């Protein structure tokens, strides 16, 4: 009688574990589906961010180039011809 109760208890535990695993897999599937749909709509925003970052970098590099090529434009000697 004790063996039958043990078998029954073990079977119930195994069935519960499988139910929990199935619920977890279903939840993960929903999460991955939502993640993929968000990634699809976020791609253009990410591309725009990369473009703006590159444009900013180019602009900053060009400004540094302009300052090094013509130092009197941005120095403290504005309007004095660089004498002071």
C-alpha atoms as a PDB file:
ATOM      1  CA  UNK A   1       0.000   0.000   0.000  1.00  0.00           C
ATOM      2  CA  UNK A   2       2.834   2.392   0.834  1.00  0.00           C
ATOM      3  CA  UNK A   3       4.521   1.707  -2.521  1.00  0.00           C
ATOM      4  CA  UNK A   4       1.306   2.539  -4.380  1.00  0.00           C
ATOM      5  CA  UNK A   5       1.003   5.852  -2.516  1.00  0.00           C
ATOM      6  CA  UNK A   6       4.645   6.669  -3.232  1.00  0.00           C
ATOM      7  CA  UNK A   7       4.191   5.878  -6.916  1.00  0.00           C
ATOM      8  CA  UNK A   8       1.064   8.008  -7.055  1.00  0.00           C
ATOM      9  CA  UNK A   9       2.802  10.921  -5.302  1.00  0.00           C
ATOM     10  CA  UNK A  10       5.846  10.698  -7.566  1.00  0.00           C
ATOM     11  CA  UNK A  11       3.626  10.644 -10.660  1.00  0.00           C
ATOM     12  CA  UNK A  12       1.734  13.715  -9.451  1.00  0.00           C
ATOM     13  CA  UNK A  13       5.006  15.555  -8.811  1.00  0.00           C
ATOM     14  CA  UNK A  14       6.285  14.634 -12.280  1.00  0.00           C
ATOM     15  CA  UNK A  15       3.047  15.784 -13.900  1.00  0.00           C
ATOM     16  CA  UNK A  16       3.184  19.081 -12.002  1.00  0.00           C
ATOM     17  CA  UNK A  17       6.805  19.609 -13.056  1.00  0.00           C
ATOM     18  CA  UNK A  18       5.834  19.067 -16.687  1.00  0.00           C
ATOM     19  CA  UNK A  19       2.953  21.543 -16.350  1.00  0.00           C
ATOM     20  CA  UNK A  20       5.317  24.142 -14.884  1.00  0.00           C
ATOM     21  CA  UNK A  21       7.832  23.540 -17.668  1.00  0.00           C
ATOM     22  CA  UNK A  22       5.121  23.888 -20.338  1.00  0.00           C
ATOM     23  CA  UNK A  23       3.882  27.147 -18.794  1.00  0.00           C
ATOM     24  CA  UNK A  24       7.428  28.471 -18.687  1.00  0.00           C
ATOM     25  CA  UNK A  25       8.023  27.567 -22.342  1.00  0.00           C
ATOM     26  CA  UNK A  26       4.760  29.264 -23.346  1.00  0.00           C
ATOM     27  CA  UNK A  27       5.690  32.422 -21.437  1.00  0.00           C
ATOM     28  CA  UNK A  28       9.170  32.479 -22.985  1.00  0.00           C
ATOM     29  CA  UNK A  29       7.649  32.070 -26.442  1.00  0.00           C
ATOM     30  CA  UNK A  30       5.400  35.084 -25.856  1.00  0.00           C
ATOM     31  CA  UNK A  31       8.344  37.105 -24.588  1.00  0.00           C
ATOM     32  CA  UNK A  32      10.465  36.272 -27.617  1.00  0.00           C
ATOM     33  CA  UNK A  33       7.577  37.103 -29.955  1.00  0.00           C
ATOM     34  CA  UNK A  34       7.116  40.512 -28.329  1.00  0.00           C
ATOM     35  CA  UNK A  35      10.859  41.120 -28.402  1.00  0.00           C
ATOM     36  CA  UNK A  36      11.094  40.357 -32.104  1.00  0.00           C
ATOM     37  CA  UNK A  37       8.203  42.676 -32.989  1.00  0.00           C
ATOM     38  CA  UNK A  38       9.766  45.500 -30.966  1.00  0.00           C
ATOM     39  CA  UNK A  39      13.143  44.955 -32.589  1.00  0.00           C
ATOM     40  CA  UNK A  40      11.490  45.212 -35.986  1.00  0.00           C
ATOM     41  CA  UNK A  41       9.964  48.598 -35.189  1.00  0.00           C
ATOM     42  CA  UNK A  42      13.060  49.873 -33.337  1.00  0.00           C
ATOM     43  CA  UNK A  43      15.490  49.207 -36.188  1.00  0.00           C
ATOM     44  CA  UNK A  44      14.833  52.513 -38.014  1.00  0.00           C
ATOM     45  CA  UNK A  45      15.311  54.460 -34.770  1.00  0.00           C
ATOM     46  CA  UNK A  46      18.629  52.717 -34.160  1.00  0.00           C
ATOM     47  CA  UNK A  47      19.764  53.415 -37.710  1.00  0.00           C
ATOM     48  CA  UNK A  48      18.855  57.096 -37.353  1.00  0.00           C
ATOM     49  CA  UNK A  49      20.778  57.260 -34.077  1.00  0.00           C
ATOM     50  CA  UNK A  50      23.860  55.793 -35.746  1.00  0.00           C
ATOM     51  CA  UNK A  51      23.553  58.246 -38.633  1.00  0.00           C
ATOM     52  CA  UNK A  52      23.245  61.242 -36.304  1.00  0.00           C
ATOM     53  CA  UNK A  53      26.174  60.055 -34.216  1.00  0.00           C
ATOM     54  CA  UNK A  54      28.330  59.734 -37.325  1.00  0.00           C
ATOM     55  CA  UNK A  55      27.265  63.174 -38.549  1.00  0.00           C
ATOM     56  CA  UNK A  56      28.138  64.654 -35.170  1.00  0.00           C
ATOM     57  CA  UNK A  57      31.547  63.010 -35.248  1.00  0.00           C
ATOM     58  CA  UNK A  58      32.226  64.310 -38.735  1.00  0.00           C
ATOM     59  CA  UNK A  59      31.136  67.809 -37.708  1.00  0.00           C
ATOM     60  CA  UNK A  60      33.358  67.752 -34.634  1.00  0.00           C
ATOM     61  CA  UNK A  61      36.345  66.555 -36.646  1.00  0.00           C
ATOM     62  CA  UNK A  62      35.741  69.251 -39.268  1.00  0.00           C
ATOM     63  CA  UNK A  63      35.555  71.933 -36.561  1.00  0.00           C
ATOM     64  CA  UNK A  64      38.882  70.765 -35.108  1.00  0.00           C
ATOM     65  CA  UNK A  65      40.372  70.824 -38.581  1.00  0.00           C
ATOM     66  CA  UNK A  66      39.114  74.362 -39.163  1.00  0.00           C
ATOM     67  CA  UNK A  67      40.588  75.528 -35.842  1.00  0.00           C
ATOM     68  CA  UNK A  68      43.978  73.991 -36.571  1.00  0.00           C
ATOM     69  CA  UNK A  69      44.055  75.298 -40.144  1.00  0.00           C
ATOM     70  CA  UNK A  70      43.118  78.865 -39.149  1.00  0.00           C
ATOM     71  CA  UNK A  71      44.076  79.454 -35.488  1.00  0.00           C
ATOM     72  CA  UNK A  72      43.165  83.175 -35.426  1.00  0.00           C
ATOM     73  CA  UNK A  73      39.507  82.400 -36.005  1.00  0.00           C
ATOM     74  CA  UNK A  74      38.895  80.807 -32.599  1.00  0.00           C
ATOM     75  CA  UNK A  75      41.768  82.090 -30.435  1.00  0.00           C
ATOM     76  CA  UNK A  76      41.736  84.976 -27.928  1.00  0.00           C
ATOM     77  CA  UNK A  77      43.288  87.293 -30.497  1.00  0.00           C
ATOM     78  CA  UNK A  78      40.076  87.873 -32.436  1.00  0.00           C
ATOM     79  CA  UNK A  79      40.201  91.108 -34.376  1.00  0.00           C
ATOM     80  CA  UNK A  80      43.819  91.889 -33.497  1.00  0.00           C
ATOM     81  CA  UNK A  81      45.521  89.947 -36.212  1.00  0.00           C
ATOM     82  CA  UNK A  82      47.039  87.657 -33.609  1.00  0.00           C
ATOM     83  CA  UNK A  83      49.257  90.344 -32.048  1.00  0.00           C
ATOM     84  CA  UNK A  84      47.869  90.168 -28.512  1.00  0.00           C
END
